[in-house]
Amino acid sequence: MSRLRALTEEYQGLAARLQQGGGAARVAKMHQQGKLAPRERVQRLLDPGTPWLELGLLVAYDQYDGQAPGA
């Protein structure tokens, strides 16, 4: 496997994990508090089916001893 392909797969896996927004338990806790997850709020602002580009997915990744992933 080429180095670029390996890095691409690593990024895609990391991005998928970060896009979960802290995992199902954290999202469920937000819902119990009557809140929406950040990506849910963005989806409500956009027209249905409108694509959007998330910037800064990796901001603060691997910083602060894992306390603020994607801060």
PDB file of N, CA and C in Angstrom:
ATOM      1  N   MET A   1       0.845  -1.168   0.000  1.00  0.00           N
ATOM      2  CA  MET A   1       0.000   0.000   0.000  1.00  0.00           C
ATOM      3  C   MET A   1       0.895   1.238   0.000  1.00  0.00           C
ATOM      4  N   SER A   2       0.516   2.207  -0.801  1.00  0.00           N
ATOM      5  CA  SER A   2       1.332   3.416  -0.875  1.00  0.00           C
ATOM      6  C   SER A   2       1.168   4.251   0.396  1.00  0.00           C
ATOM      7  N   ARG A   3       2.142   5.057   0.650  1.00  0.00           N
ATOM      8  CA  ARG A   3       2.114   5.922   1.840  1.00  0.00           C
ATOM      9  C   ARG A   3       0.922   6.868   1.789  1.00  0.00           C
ATOM     10  N   LEU A   4       0.638   7.427   0.619  1.00  0.00           N
ATOM     11  CA  LEU A   4      -0.487   8.347   0.481  1.00  0.00           C
ATOM     12  C   LEU A   4      -1.804   7.636   0.774  1.00  0.00           C
ATOM     13  N   ARG A   5      -1.961   6.447   0.266  1.00  0.00           N
ATOM     14  CA  ARG A   5      -3.190   5.689   0.505  1.00  0.00           C
ATOM     15  C   ARG A   5      -3.337   5.389   2.003  1.00  0.00           C
ATOM     16  N   ALA A   6      -2.248   5.013   2.650  1.00  0.00           N
ATOM     17  CA  ALA A   6      -2.294   4.718   4.083  1.00  0.00           C
ATOM     18  C   ALA A   6      -2.673   5.965   4.883  1.00  0.00           C
ATOM     19  N   LEU A   7      -2.098   7.100   4.535  1.00  0.00           N
ATOM     20  CA  LEU A   7      -2.425   8.350   5.226  1.00  0.00           C
ATOM     21  C   LEU A   7      -3.875   8.758   4.982  1.00  0.00           C
ATOM     22  N   THR A   8      -4.343   8.554   3.757  1.00  0.00           N
ATOM     23  CA  THR A   8      -5.730   8.875   3.430  1.00  0.00           C
ATOM     24  C   THR A   8      -6.686   8.027   4.250  1.00  0.00           C
ATOM     25  N   GLU A   9      -6.408   6.740   4.356  1.00  0.00           N
ATOM     26  CA  GLU A   9      -7.259   5.850   5.143  1.00  0.00           C
ATOM     27  C   GLU A   9      -7.216   6.220   6.625  1.00  0.00           C
ATOM     28  N   GLU A  10      -6.043   6.590   7.109  1.00  0.00           N
ATOM     29  CA  GLU A  10      -5.922   7.013   8.505  1.00  0.00           C
ATOM     30  C   GLU A  10      -6.753   8.266   8.756  1.00  0.00           C
ATOM     31  N   TYR A  11      -6.663   9.234   7.837  1.00  0.00           N
ATOM     32  CA  TYR A  11      -7.444  10.463   7.977  1.00  0.00           C
ATOM     33  C   TYR A  11      -8.936  10.171   7.937  1.00  0.00           C
ATOM     34  N   GLN A  12      -9.374   9.347   7.004  1.00  0.00           N
ATOM     35  CA  GLN A  12     -10.797   9.046   6.878  1.00  0.00           C
ATOM     36  C   GLN A  12     -11.343   8.379   8.139  1.00  0.00           C
ATOM     37  N   GLY A  13     -10.573   7.482   8.725  1.00  0.00           N
ATOM     38  CA  GLY A  13     -10.991   6.844   9.968  1.00  0.00           C
ATOM     39  C   GLY A  13     -11.074   7.836  11.116  1.00  0.00           C
ATOM     40  N   LEU A  14     -10.080   8.699  11.206  1.00  0.00           N
ATOM     41  CA  LEU A  14     -10.058   9.716  12.251  1.00  0.00           C
ATOM     42  C   LEU A  14     -11.218  10.695  12.074  1.00  0.00           C
ATOM     43  N   ALA A  15     -11.446  11.131  10.842  1.00  0.00           N
ATOM     44  CA  ALA A  15     -12.534  12.071  10.575  1.00  0.00           C
ATOM     45  C   ALA A  15     -13.882  11.455  10.939  1.00  0.00           C
ATOM     46  N   ALA A  16     -14.079  10.194  10.600  1.00  0.00           N
ATOM     47  CA  ALA A  16     -15.337   9.515  10.933  1.00  0.00           C
ATOM     48  C   ALA A  16     -15.537   9.471  12.444  1.00  0.00           C
ATOM     49  N   ARG A  17     -14.475   9.216  13.175  1.00  0.00           N
ATOM     50  CA  ARG A  17     -14.569   9.155  14.639  1.00  0.00           C
ATOM     51  C   ARG A  17     -14.881  10.537  15.224  1.00  0.00           C
ATOM     52  N   LEU A  18     -14.219  11.568  14.720  1.00  0.00           N
ATOM     53  CA  LEU A  18     -14.440  12.918  15.232  1.00  0.00           C
ATOM     54  C   LEU A  18     -15.832  13.440  14.879  1.00  0.00           C
ATOM     55  N   GLN A  19     -16.363  13.020  13.744  1.00  0.00           N
ATOM     56  CA  GLN A  19     -17.684  13.479  13.324  1.00  0.00           C
ATOM     57  C   GLN A  19     -18.808  12.878  14.159  1.00  0.00           C
ATOM     58  N   GLN A  20     -18.492  11.911  14.989  1.00  0.00           N
ATOM     59  CA  GLN A  20     -19.509  11.338  15.866  1.00  0.00           C
ATOM     60  C   GLN A  20     -19.865  12.287  17.006  1.00  0.00           C
ATOM     61  N   GLY A  21     -19.101  13.331  17.169  1.00  0.00           N
ATOM     62  CA  GLY A  21     -19.419  14.342  18.172  1.00  0.00           C
ATOM     63  C   GLY A  21     -19.336  13.853  19.601  1.00  0.00           C
ATOM     64  N   GLY A  22     -18.374  13.024  19.897  1.00  0.00           N
ATOM     65  CA  GLY A  22     -18.213  12.518  21.255  1.00  0.00           C
ATOM     66  C   GLY A  22     -18.855  11.166  21.468  1.00  0.00           C
ATOM     67  N   GLY A  23     -19.488  10.641  20.452  1.00  0.00           N
ATOM     68  CA  GLY A  23     -20.100   9.321  20.555  1.00  0.00           C
ATOM     69  C   GLY A  23     -21.586   9.389  20.862  1.00  0.00           C
ATOM     70  N   ALA A  24     -22.231   8.249  20.725  1.00  0.00           N
ATOM     71  CA  ALA A  24     -23.682   8.166  20.896  1.00  0.00           C
ATOM     72  C   ALA A  24     -24.119   8.554  22.308  1.00  0.00           C
ATOM     73  N   ALA A  25     -23.334   8.180  23.310  1.00  0.00           N
ATOM     74  CA  ALA A  25     -23.707   8.497  24.692  1.00  0.00           C
ATOM     75  C   ALA A  25     -23.722  10.008  24.928  1.00  0.00           C
ATOM     76  N   ARG A  26     -22.734  10.701  24.400  1.00  0.00           N
ATOM     77  CA  ARG A  26     -22.680  12.158  24.594  1.00  0.00           C
ATOM     78  C   ARG A  26     -23.821  12.849  23.848  1.00  0.00           C
ATOM     79  N   VAL A  27     -24.122  12.391  22.633  1.00  0.00           N
ATOM     80  CA  VAL A  27     -25.226  12.977  21.870  1.00  0.00           C
ATOM     81  C   VAL A  27     -26.548  12.706  22.588  1.00  0.00           C
ATOM     82  N   ALA A  28     -26.727  11.492  23.120  1.00  0.00           N
ATOM     83  CA  ALA A  28     -27.946  11.161  23.866  1.00  0.00           C
ATOM     84  C   ALA A  28     -28.088  12.059  25.093  1.00  0.00           C
ATOM     85  N   LYS A  29     -26.976  12.341  25.766  1.00  0.00           N
ATOM     86  CA  LYS A  29     -27.011  13.220  26.937  1.00  0.00           C
ATOM     87  C   LYS A  29     -27.454  14.628  26.536  1.00  0.00           C
ATOM     88  N   MET A  30     -26.950  15.122  25.396  1.00  0.00           N
ATOM     89  CA  MET A  30     -27.370  16.436  24.911  1.00  0.00           C
ATOM     90  C   MET A  30     -28.868  16.432  24.629  1.00  0.00           C
ATOM     91  N   HIS A  31     -29.360  15.360  24.000  1.00  0.00           N
ATOM     92  CA  HIS A  31     -30.782  15.266  23.680  1.00  0.00           C
ATOM     93  C   HIS A  31     -31.624  15.233  24.956  1.00  0.00           C
ATOM     94  N   GLN A  32     -31.150  14.534  25.985  1.00  0.00           N
ATOM     95  CA  GLN A  32     -31.873  14.488  27.263  1.00  0.00           C
ATOM     96  C   GLN A  32     -31.958  15.870  27.901  1.00  0.00           C
ATOM     97  N   GLN A  33     -30.975  16.699  27.630  1.00  0.00           N
ATOM     98  CA  GLN A  33     -30.958  18.070  28.158  1.00  0.00           C
ATOM     99  C   GLN A  33     -31.743  19.029  27.268  1.00  0.00           C
ATOM    100  N   GLY A  34     -32.370  18.489  26.217  1.00  0.00           N
ATOM    101  CA  GLY A  34     -33.139  19.321  25.307  1.00  0.00           C
ATOM    102  C   GLY A  34     -32.284  20.092  24.320  1.00  0.00           C
ATOM    103  N   LYS A  35     -31.063  19.634  24.110  1.00  0.00           N
ATOM    104  CA  LYS A  35     -30.129  20.310  23.211  1.00  0.00           C
ATOM    105  C   LYS A  35     -29.917  19.482  21.955  1.00  0.00           C
ATOM    106  N   LEU A  36     -29.461  20.150  20.911  1.00  0.00           N
ATOM    107  CA  LEU A  36     -29.056  19.480  19.681  1.00  0.00           C
ATOM    108  C   LEU A  36     -27.536  19.432  19.628  1.00  0.00           C
ATOM    109  N   ALA A  37     -27.012  18.415  18.984  1.00  0.00           N
ATOM    110  CA  ALA A  37     -25.571  18.341  18.745  1.00  0.00           C
ATOM    111  C   ALA A  37     -25.202  19.438  17.737  1.00  0.00           C
ATOM    112  N   PRO A  38     -23.973  19.906  17.756  1.00  0.00           N
ATOM    113  CA  PRO A  38     -23.580  20.992  16.847  1.00  0.00           C
ATOM    114  C   PRO A  38     -23.904  20.727  15.377  1.00  0.00           C
ATOM    115  N   ARG A  39     -23.621  19.539  14.885  1.00  0.00           N
ATOM    116  CA  ARG A  39     -23.906  19.255  13.477  1.00  0.00           C
ATOM    117  C   ARG A  39     -25.409  19.209  13.203  1.00  0.00           C
ATOM    118  N   GLU A  40     -26.199  18.832  14.195  1.00  0.00           N
ATOM    119  CA  GLU A  40     -27.659  18.863  14.046  1.00  0.00           C
ATOM    120  C   GLU A  40     -28.146  20.306  13.930  1.00  0.00           C
ATOM    121  N   ARG A  41     -27.541  21.208  14.699  1.00  0.00           N
ATOM    122  CA  ARG A  41     -27.915  22.625  14.611  1.00  0.00           C
ATOM    123  C   ARG A  41     -27.590  23.186  13.233  1.00  0.00           C
ATOM    124  N   VAL A  42     -26.422  22.839  12.708  1.00  0.00           N
ATOM    125  CA  VAL A  42     -26.040  23.312  11.372  1.00  0.00           C
ATOM    126  C   VAL A  42     -27.028  22.790  10.336  1.00  0.00           C
ATOM    127  N   GLN A  43     -27.401  21.512  10.428  1.00  0.00           N
ATOM    128  CA  GLN A  43     -28.336  20.931   9.462  1.00  0.00           C
ATOM    129  C   GLN A  43     -29.680  21.655   9.481  1.00  0.00           C
ATOM    130  N   ARG A  44     -30.101  22.119  10.639  1.00  0.00           N
ATOM    131  CA  ARG A  44     -31.379  22.840  10.725  1.00  0.00           C
ATOM    132  C   ARG A  44     -31.286  24.237  10.122  1.00  0.00           C
ATOM    133  N   LEU A  45     -30.096  24.787  10.062  1.00  0.00           N
ATOM    134  CA  LEU A  45     -29.913  26.106   9.457  1.00  0.00           C
ATOM    135  C   LEU A  45     -29.906  26.049   7.933  1.00  0.00           C
ATOM    136  N   LEU A  46     -29.517  24.912   7.387  1.00  0.00           N
ATOM    137  CA  LEU A  46     -29.371  24.770   5.939  1.00  0.00           C
ATOM    138  C   LEU A  46     -30.658  24.277   5.297  1.00  0.00           C
ATOM    139  N   ASP A  47     -30.832  24.613   4.028  1.00  0.00           N
ATOM    140  CA  ASP A  47     -31.925  24.031   3.265  1.00  0.00           C
ATOM    141  C   ASP A  47     -31.675  22.537   3.121  1.00  0.00           C
ATOM    142  N   PRO A  48     -32.735  21.728   3.096  1.00  0.00           N
ATOM    143  CA  PRO A  48     -32.553  20.271   2.957  1.00  0.00           C
ATOM    144  C   PRO A  48     -31.721  19.919   1.722  1.00  0.00           C
ATOM    145  N   GLY A  49     -30.766  19.039   1.923  1.00  0.00           N
ATOM    146  CA  GLY A  49     -29.929  18.575   0.825  1.00  0.00           C
ATOM    147  C   GLY A  49     -28.779  19.494   0.461  1.00  0.00           C
ATOM    148  N   THR A  50     -28.649  20.615   1.145  1.00  0.00           N
ATOM    149  CA  THR A  50     -27.572  21.553   0.844  1.00  0.00           C
ATOM    150  C   THR A  50     -26.249  21.001   1.364  1.00  0.00           C
ATOM    151  N   PRO A  51     -25.253  20.883   0.502  1.00  0.00           N
ATOM    152  CA  PRO A  51     -23.948  20.412   0.981  1.00  0.00           C
ATOM    153  C   PRO A  51     -23.255  21.516   1.780  1.00  0.00           C
ATOM    154  N   TRP A  52     -22.419  21.112   2.714  1.00  0.00           N
ATOM    155  CA  TRP A  52     -21.642  22.082   3.470  1.00  0.00           C
ATOM    156  C   TRP A  52     -20.285  21.501   3.773  1.00  0.00           C
ATOM    157  N   LEU A  53     -19.334  22.379   3.935  1.00  0.00           N
ATOM    158  CA  LEU A  53     -17.955  21.977   4.178  1.00  0.00           C
ATOM    159  C   LEU A  53     -17.579  22.365   5.600  1.00  0.00           C
ATOM    160  N   GLU A  54     -17.251  21.379   6.389  1.00  0.00           N
ATOM    161  CA  GLU A  54     -16.843  21.637   7.765  1.00  0.00           C
ATOM    162  C   GLU A  54     -15.356  21.961   7.785  1.00  0.00           C
ATOM    163  N   LEU A  55     -15.019  23.091   8.357  1.00  0.00           N
ATOM    164  CA  LEU A  55     -13.625  23.501   8.482  1.00  0.00           C
ATOM    165  C   LEU A  55     -13.166  23.286   9.918  1.00  0.00           C
ATOM    166  N   GLY A  56     -11.941  22.908  10.089  1.00  0.00           N
ATOM    167  CA  GLY A  56     -11.375  22.804  11.420  1.00  0.00           C
ATOM    168  C   GLY A  56     -11.705  21.523  12.159  1.00  0.00           C
ATOM    169  N   LEU A  57     -12.011  20.458  11.448  1.00  0.00           N
ATOM    170  CA  LEU A  57     -12.336  19.192  12.099  1.00  0.00           C
ATOM    171  C   LEU A  57     -11.204  18.725  13.005  1.00  0.00           C
ATOM    172  N   LEU A  58      -9.978  18.987  12.596  1.00  0.00           N
ATOM    173  CA  LEU A  58      -8.830  18.510  13.364  1.00  0.00           C
ATOM    174  C   LEU A  58      -8.224  19.571  14.288  1.00  0.00           C
ATOM    175  N   VAL A  59      -8.927  20.683  14.488  1.00  0.00           N
ATOM    176  CA  VAL A  59      -8.425  21.721  15.385  1.00  0.00           C
ATOM    177  C   VAL A  59      -8.274  21.125  16.778  1.00  0.00           C
ATOM    178  N   ALA A  60      -7.144  21.291  17.364  1.00  0.00           N
ATOM    179  CA  ALA A  60      -6.815  20.814  18.719  1.00  0.00           C
ATOM    180  C   ALA A  60      -6.778  19.296  18.821  1.00  0.00           C
ATOM    181  N   TYR A  61      -6.786  18.597  17.688  1.00  0.00           N
ATOM    182  CA  TYR A  61      -6.677  17.142  17.757  1.00  0.00           C
ATOM    183  C   TYR A  61      -5.306  16.768  18.311  1.00  0.00           C
ATOM    184  N   ASP A  62      -5.277  15.810  19.185  1.00  0.00           N
ATOM    185  CA  ASP A  62      -4.054  15.308  19.807  1.00  0.00           C
ATOM    186  C   ASP A  62      -3.384  16.379  20.676  1.00  0.00           C
ATOM    187  N   GLN A  63      -4.187  17.282  21.185  1.00  0.00           N
ATOM    188  CA  GLN A  63      -3.716  18.327  22.089  1.00  0.00           C
ATOM    189  C   GLN A  63      -4.443  18.171  23.424  1.00  0.00           C
ATOM    190  N   TYR A  64      -3.976  18.772  24.435  1.00  0.00           N
ATOM    191  CA  TYR A  64      -4.652  18.838  25.732  1.00  0.00           C
ATOM    192  C   TYR A  64      -4.970  17.464  26.304  1.00  0.00           C
ATOM    193  N   ASP A  65      -4.126  16.492  26.069  1.00  0.00           N
ATOM    194  CA  ASP A  65      -4.282  15.144  26.618  1.00  0.00           C
ATOM    195  C   ASP A  65      -5.658  14.546  26.340  1.00  0.00           C
ATOM    196  N   GLY A  66      -6.204  14.806  25.158  1.00  0.00           N
ATOM    197  CA  GLY A  66      -7.483  14.225  24.767  1.00  0.00           C
ATOM    198  C   GLY A  66      -8.699  14.875  25.399  1.00  0.00           C
ATOM    199  N   GLN A  67      -8.521  15.983  26.099  1.00  0.00           N
ATOM    200  CA  GLN A  67      -9.639  16.632  26.777  1.00  0.00           C
ATOM    201  C   GLN A  67     -10.505  17.471  25.842  1.00  0.00           C
ATOM    202  N   ALA A  68      -9.987  17.845  24.684  1.00  0.00           N
ATOM    203  CA  ALA A  68     -10.748  18.704  23.781  1.00  0.00           C
ATOM    204  C   ALA A  68     -10.578  18.252  22.340  1.00  0.00           C
ATOM    205  N   PRO A  69     -11.002  17.026  21.996  1.00  0.00           N
ATOM    206  CA  PRO A  69     -10.837  16.587  20.610  1.00  0.00           C
ATOM    207  C   PRO A  69     -11.687  17.432  19.673  1.00  0.00           C
ATOM    208  N   GLY A  70     -11.063  17.975  18.664  1.00  0.00           N
ATOM    209  CA  GLY A  70     -11.787  18.798  17.708  1.00  0.00           C
ATOM    210  C   GLY A  70     -12.332  20.086  18.307  1.00  0.00           C
ATOM    211  N   ALA A  71     -11.675  20.590  19.348  1.00  0.00           N
ATOM    212  CA  ALA A  71     -12.162  21.796  20.033  1.00  0.00           C
ATOM    213  C   ALA A  71     -12.414  22.879  19.029  1.00  0.00           C
TER     214      ALA A  71
END
